[in-house]
Amino acid sequence: MNSEVMDIRTMEDDETPETVPVPQALVPHLSETAILLDIDGTLLELMPTPREVWVPPGLSKTLNGLVERTSGALALVSGRSLNDIDLIFAPDQFPAVGGHGAEMRLDADAEAVASHAPPMDKELKRRLAAIAKLSPGILLEDKGYSLALHYRLAPHAEKAIYAAVSLIRADLPNAPIEVLPGKFVCEIKHSGFTKASGVRELMTHEPFRGRRPLFIGDDVTDETVFAIMPDMNGLAFSVGRRARGVNGHFDSPSDVREFLAHLLDGDTR
């Protein structure tokens, strides 16, 4: 993408996308904005395994600059735990909603707070974890409040994974769990909290309260946040696909990073 003309595509549901040469014109002054960012597939490229994700040079400077210019109103919104987020971005720490809304940190110095998220039942987690034995390419990730079965290295196992999860759910019809399909991942978490519920809670606290949220996400789990942005007079952008109801989309995480850097440099209004 040309740094002088930051193209992002806008759409109205099924209409043909149009191009807006200066997306910054859609965004209020940073002093009035809350920037909310998904991580995997949005800020950072997806990798074969979750542990291979890395932060490109320059992103730390951009994010810290936006934190300063928004007076702290920038948060990472992820299915990853806060501990995992901090490992990826170390030594930086940012405000964050982690675990699909299970935990939240309002600023870099605050302690993580779990909200409406009891730990997943150990026996249920054990049964779900056994699904990873279906193929050596299935990677198990225990996030505390959820369990993820990654099959990017074993795409042939997708149907078998979901079939096995369905059998467990049928055997435990009263278990308060929810299945989240994603990009080569099947994630199972407690019902009752989502990224959207986490964002709603976040936006009631300083320094986010009263600001206009701008959310960027890429996956199915981000659609709950896309859906609530109109209620908050917010803006939503998807990455890699034209999600319904968003204000526009980016083709790749590198375009998102360039947009954020350009947004920071161009915030002179």
Protein backbone atom coordinates (compact mmCIF):
# COMPACT_ATOMS: atom_id res chain seq x y z
CA MET A 1 0.00 0.00 0.00
CA ASN A 2 1.23 3.48 -0.86
CA SER A 3 1.93 5.45 2.32
CA GLU A 4 0.70 8.64 0.66
CA VAL A 5 -2.69 7.18 -0.28
CA MET A 6 -3.89 4.69 2.30
CA ASP A 7 -6.58 2.76 0.40
CA ILE A 8 -9.13 0.76 2.32
CA ARG A 9 -12.29 -0.62 0.83
CA THR A 10 -15.71 0.33 2.12
CA MET A 11 -18.90 -1.55 1.56
CA GLU A 12 -22.56 -1.71 2.46
CA ASP A 13 -23.23 -5.41 3.01
CA ASP A 14 -23.43 -6.94 -0.47
CA GLU A 15 -22.61 -3.82 -2.48
CA THR A 16 -19.48 -3.62 -4.61
CA PRO A 17 -16.64 -2.13 -2.51
CA GLU A 18 -15.55 1.41 -3.20
CA THR A 19 -12.20 3.01 -2.38
CA VAL A 20 -11.68 5.82 0.13
CA PRO A 21 -8.29 7.48 -0.51
CA VAL A 22 -7.91 8.91 3.01
CA PRO A 23 -9.43 6.61 5.65
CA GLN A 24 -8.23 8.97 8.37
CA ALA A 25 -11.12 11.21 7.34
CA LEU A 26 -13.46 8.54 8.73
CA VAL A 27 -11.70 8.57 12.10
CA PRO A 28 -12.23 11.31 14.68
CA HIS A 29 -9.25 13.04 16.26
CA LEU A 30 -7.23 10.60 18.35
CA SER A 31 -8.12 12.57 21.46
CA GLU A 32 -11.73 11.45 20.85
CA THR A 33 -11.03 7.88 19.72
CA ALA A 34 -10.65 4.52 21.46
CA ILE A 35 -8.57 2.14 19.31
CA LEU A 36 -9.47 -1.54 19.77
CA LEU A 37 -7.38 -4.14 17.95
CA ASP A 38 -7.59 -7.89 17.53
CA ILE A 39 -4.15 -9.54 17.35
CA ASP A 40 -3.90 -12.77 15.33
CA GLY A 41 -4.74 -12.18 11.68
CA THR A 42 -5.29 -8.45 12.33
CA LEU A 43 -2.19 -6.85 13.82
CA LEU A 44 0.02 -9.90 13.26
CA GLU A 45 0.17 -12.49 10.50
CA LEU A 46 -1.19 -15.95 11.25
CA MET A 47 1.48 -18.62 11.63
CA PRO A 48 1.41 -22.45 11.52
CA THR A 49 1.36 -22.53 15.33
CA PRO A 50 0.29 -19.88 17.89
CA ARG A 51 3.80 -19.71 19.38
CA GLU A 52 5.35 -18.70 16.06
CA VAL A 53 3.51 -15.37 15.95
CA TRP A 54 5.92 -12.44 16.18
CA VAL A 55 5.82 -8.63 16.35
CA PRO A 56 7.39 -6.90 13.32
CA PRO A 57 9.84 -4.03 13.78
CA GLY A 58 8.15 -0.67 14.17
CA LEU A 59 4.83 -1.92 15.55
CA SER A 60 5.84 -1.33 19.16
CA LYS A 61 6.67 2.30 18.38
CA THR A 62 3.34 2.77 16.59
CA LEU A 63 1.26 1.22 19.36
CA ASN A 64 3.03 3.15 22.11
CA GLY A 65 2.62 6.34 20.10
CA LEU A 66 -1.11 5.71 19.77
CA VAL A 67 -1.36 4.97 23.49
CA GLU A 68 0.20 8.35 24.19
CA ARG A 69 -1.91 10.25 21.65
CA THR A 70 -5.15 8.66 22.88
CA SER A 71 -4.24 9.20 26.55
CA GLY A 72 -4.19 5.44 27.06
CA ALA A 73 -7.36 4.57 25.10
CA LEU A 74 -5.86 1.75 23.05
CA ALA A 75 -6.63 -1.87 23.87
CA LEU A 76 -5.84 -5.26 22.38
CA VAL A 77 -8.95 -7.47 22.12
CA SER A 78 -8.05 -11.12 21.78
CA GLY A 79 -8.97 -14.71 22.44
CA ARG A 80 -5.50 -15.10 23.94
CA SER A 81 -4.99 -14.78 27.68
CA LEU A 82 -3.44 -11.61 29.06
CA ASN A 83 -0.31 -13.57 29.99
CA ASP A 84 0.01 -14.82 26.41
CA ILE A 85 -0.55 -11.33 25.00
CA ASP A 86 2.19 -9.97 27.25
CA LEU A 87 4.61 -12.69 26.12
CA ILE A 88 4.07 -11.76 22.48
CA PHE A 89 4.49 -8.02 22.97
CA ALA A 90 7.16 -8.13 25.71
CA PRO A 91 8.54 -5.96 27.13
CA ASP A 92 5.53 -3.78 26.25
CA GLN A 93 2.22 -4.13 28.07
CA PHE A 94 -1.01 -2.66 26.77
CA PRO A 95 -4.57 -2.36 28.01
CA ALA A 96 -6.34 -5.50 26.86
CA VAL A 97 -9.45 -7.65 26.79
CA GLY A 98 -8.26 -11.26 26.90
CA GLY A 99 -9.79 -14.71 26.73
CA HIS A 100 -12.70 -13.60 24.52
CA GLY A 101 -13.86 -11.19 27.23
CA ALA A 102 -12.95 -13.37 30.22
CA GLU A 103 -10.35 -10.94 31.57
CA MET A 104 -9.52 -7.28 31.20
CA ARG A 105 -6.72 -4.84 31.99
CA LEU A 106 -7.48 -1.13 31.79
CA ASP A 107 -3.90 0.07 31.71
CA ALA A 108 -0.42 -1.37 31.54
CA ASP A 109 0.08 -1.16 35.31
CA ALA A 110 -3.27 -2.62 36.40
CA GLU A 111 -3.75 -6.20 37.54
CA ALA A 112 -5.71 -8.55 35.29
CA VAL A 113 -9.33 -8.92 36.33
CA ALA A 114 -11.45 -11.94 35.39
CA SER A 115 -15.02 -10.95 34.61
CA HIS A 116 -17.91 -13.46 34.54
CA ALA A 117 -15.53 -16.25 33.62
CA PRO A 118 -15.14 -19.28 35.86
CA PRO A 119 -12.37 -21.69 34.88
CA MET A 120 -13.46 -24.46 32.54
CA ASP A 121 -14.37 -27.72 34.28
CA LYS A 122 -11.30 -29.96 34.51
CA GLU A 123 -13.08 -33.13 33.42
CA LEU A 124 -14.66 -31.38 30.45
CA LYS A 125 -11.29 -29.94 29.51
CA ARG A 126 -9.74 -33.41 29.74
CA ARG A 127 -12.33 -34.88 27.38
CA LEU A 128 -11.92 -32.07 24.89
CA ALA A 129 -8.13 -32.28 25.05
CA ALA A 130 -8.30 -35.94 24.06
CA ILE A 131 -9.58 -34.84 20.63
CA ALA A 132 -6.03 -33.74 19.79
CA LYS A 133 -5.12 -37.43 19.55
CA LEU A 134 -7.13 -37.71 16.33
CA SER A 135 -4.10 -36.50 14.36
CA PRO A 136 -0.47 -35.64 15.16
CA GLY A 137 -0.97 -32.29 13.41
CA ILE A 138 -3.64 -31.08 15.85
CA LEU A 139 -2.21 -28.65 18.40
CA LEU A 140 -3.87 -28.22 21.77
CA GLU A 141 -3.86 -24.78 23.44
CA ASP A 142 -5.15 -24.42 26.99
CA LYS A 143 -6.13 -20.77 27.55
CA GLY A 144 -7.53 -21.32 31.02
CA TYR A 145 -11.00 -20.01 30.25
CA SER A 146 -11.12 -21.90 26.96
CA LEU A 147 -9.51 -24.72 25.03
CA ALA A 148 -8.40 -24.39 21.41
CA LEU A 149 -7.75 -27.17 18.91
CA HIS A 150 -5.58 -25.84 16.10
CA TYR A 151 -5.55 -27.87 12.89
CA ARG A 152 -3.62 -25.66 10.46
CA LEU A 153 -1.06 -28.48 10.25
CA ALA A 154 -3.83 -31.08 9.87
CA PRO A 155 -6.62 -29.50 7.78
CA HIS A 156 -7.96 -32.95 6.90
CA ALA A 157 -8.99 -33.37 10.55
CA GLU A 158 -11.47 -30.48 10.61
CA LYS A 159 -14.66 -32.54 10.25
CA ALA A 160 -13.46 -35.14 12.73
CA ILE A 161 -12.67 -32.45 15.31
CA TYR A 162 -16.09 -30.81 15.10
CA ALA A 163 -17.81 -34.20 15.10
CA ALA A 164 -15.97 -35.16 18.29
CA VAL A 165 -16.86 -31.84 19.95
CA SER A 166 -20.51 -32.34 18.96
CA LEU A 167 -20.54 -35.78 20.59
CA ILE A 168 -19.21 -34.36 23.84
CA ARG A 169 -21.79 -31.57 23.79
CA ALA A 170 -24.56 -34.08 23.13
CA ASP A 171 -23.36 -36.11 26.11
CA LEU A 172 -23.31 -32.97 28.28
CA PRO A 173 -26.31 -30.95 27.06
CA ASN A 174 -26.38 -28.76 30.17
CA ALA A 175 -22.70 -27.81 30.08
CA PRO A 176 -22.45 -23.99 29.73
CA ILE A 177 -20.05 -24.05 26.80
CA GLU A 178 -19.88 -22.43 23.39
CA VAL A 179 -17.98 -23.55 20.29
CA LEU A 180 -16.14 -20.86 18.35
CA PRO A 181 -15.07 -21.80 14.82
CA GLY A 182 -12.08 -19.85 13.54
CA LYS A 183 -9.30 -19.95 10.98
CA PHE A 184 -8.07 -23.55 11.28
CA VAL A 185 -9.07 -23.61 14.93
CA CYS A 186 -11.98 -24.94 16.96
CA GLU A 187 -12.23 -23.20 20.31
CA ILE A 188 -14.49 -24.18 23.19
CA LYS A 189 -15.20 -21.69 25.97
CA HIS A 190 -17.70 -20.95 28.70
CA SER A 191 -20.86 -19.28 27.45
CA GLY A 192 -21.92 -15.94 28.90
CA PHE A 193 -19.02 -13.77 27.78
CA THR A 194 -17.67 -12.70 24.39
CA LYS A 195 -15.31 -10.16 22.94
CA ALA A 196 -18.35 -7.90 22.62
CA SER A 197 -19.23 -8.17 26.31
CA GLY A 198 -15.60 -7.40 27.13
CA VAL A 199 -15.58 -4.35 24.86
CA ARG A 200 -18.86 -3.09 26.35
CA GLU A 201 -17.35 -3.35 29.83
CA LEU A 202 -14.09 -1.73 28.72
CA MET A 203 -15.92 1.25 27.22
CA THR A 204 -17.54 2.08 30.58
CA HIS A 205 -14.14 2.80 32.15
CA GLU A 206 -11.67 5.64 31.81
CA PRO A 207 -9.86 6.45 29.59
CA PHE A 208 -12.20 4.71 27.11
CA ARG A 209 -15.50 6.09 28.36
CA GLY A 210 -17.07 8.76 26.16
CA ARG A 211 -14.80 8.07 23.19
CA ARG A 212 -15.74 6.77 19.76
CA PRO A 213 -14.43 3.20 19.39
CA LEU A 214 -12.58 2.04 16.29
CA PHE A 215 -12.33 -1.74 16.14
CA ILE A 216 -10.31 -3.84 13.67
CA GLY A 217 -10.68 -7.63 13.57
CA ASP A 218 -10.49 -10.52 11.16
CA ASP A 219 -12.19 -13.67 12.40
CA VAL A 220 -15.64 -15.03 13.23
CA THR A 221 -15.12 -14.25 16.92
CA ASP A 222 -14.72 -10.57 16.04
CA GLU A 223 -18.19 -10.39 14.51
CA THR A 224 -19.76 -9.89 17.95
CA VAL A 225 -17.77 -6.65 18.23
CA PHE A 226 -18.58 -5.58 14.67
CA ALA A 227 -22.24 -5.95 15.59
CA ILE A 228 -22.14 -3.56 18.58
CA MET A 229 -20.14 -0.76 16.96
CA PRO A 230 -23.26 1.04 15.62
CA ASP A 231 -24.67 1.13 19.17
CA MET A 232 -21.56 3.02 20.25
CA ASN A 233 -21.32 5.26 17.18
CA GLY A 234 -18.16 3.28 16.48
CA LEU A 235 -16.26 2.24 13.38
CA ALA A 236 -15.46 -1.35 12.43
CA PHE A 237 -13.01 -2.71 9.87
CA SER A 238 -12.38 -6.32 8.91
CA VAL A 239 -9.14 -7.83 7.67
CA GLY A 240 -8.76 -10.28 4.81
CA ARG A 241 -12.48 -10.57 4.13
CA ARG A 242 -15.48 -8.37 3.57
CA ALA A 243 -17.45 -8.91 6.77
CA ARG A 244 -21.04 -7.74 6.83
CA GLY A 245 -21.88 -4.50 8.58
CA VAL A 246 -18.35 -3.08 8.76
CA ASN A 247 -17.22 0.31 7.50
CA GLY A 248 -14.41 -1.13 5.41
CA HIS A 249 -11.72 -3.76 5.17
CA PHE A 250 -7.98 -4.23 4.88
CA ASP A 251 -6.40 -6.94 2.79
CA SER A 252 -3.75 -8.01 5.31
CA PRO A 253 -2.22 -7.28 8.74
CA SER A 254 0.63 -5.38 7.09
CA ASP A 255 -1.99 -2.96 5.70
CA VAL A 256 -3.43 -2.54 9.19
CA ARG A 257 -0.01 -1.76 10.63
CA GLU A 258 0.66 0.76 7.88
CA PHE A 259 -2.74 2.36 8.44
CA LEU A 260 -2.07 2.72 12.18
CA ALA A 261 1.35 4.26 11.57
CA HIS A 262 -0.11 6.64 9.02
CA LEU A 263 -2.97 7.45 11.39
CA LEU A 264 -0.48 8.36 14.09
CA ASP A 265 1.66 10.50 11.79
CA GLY A 266 -1.36 12.21 10.20
CA ASP A 267 -3.28 13.09 13.36
CA THR A 268 -2.86 16.83 13.03
CA ARG A 269 -6.50 17.89 12.78
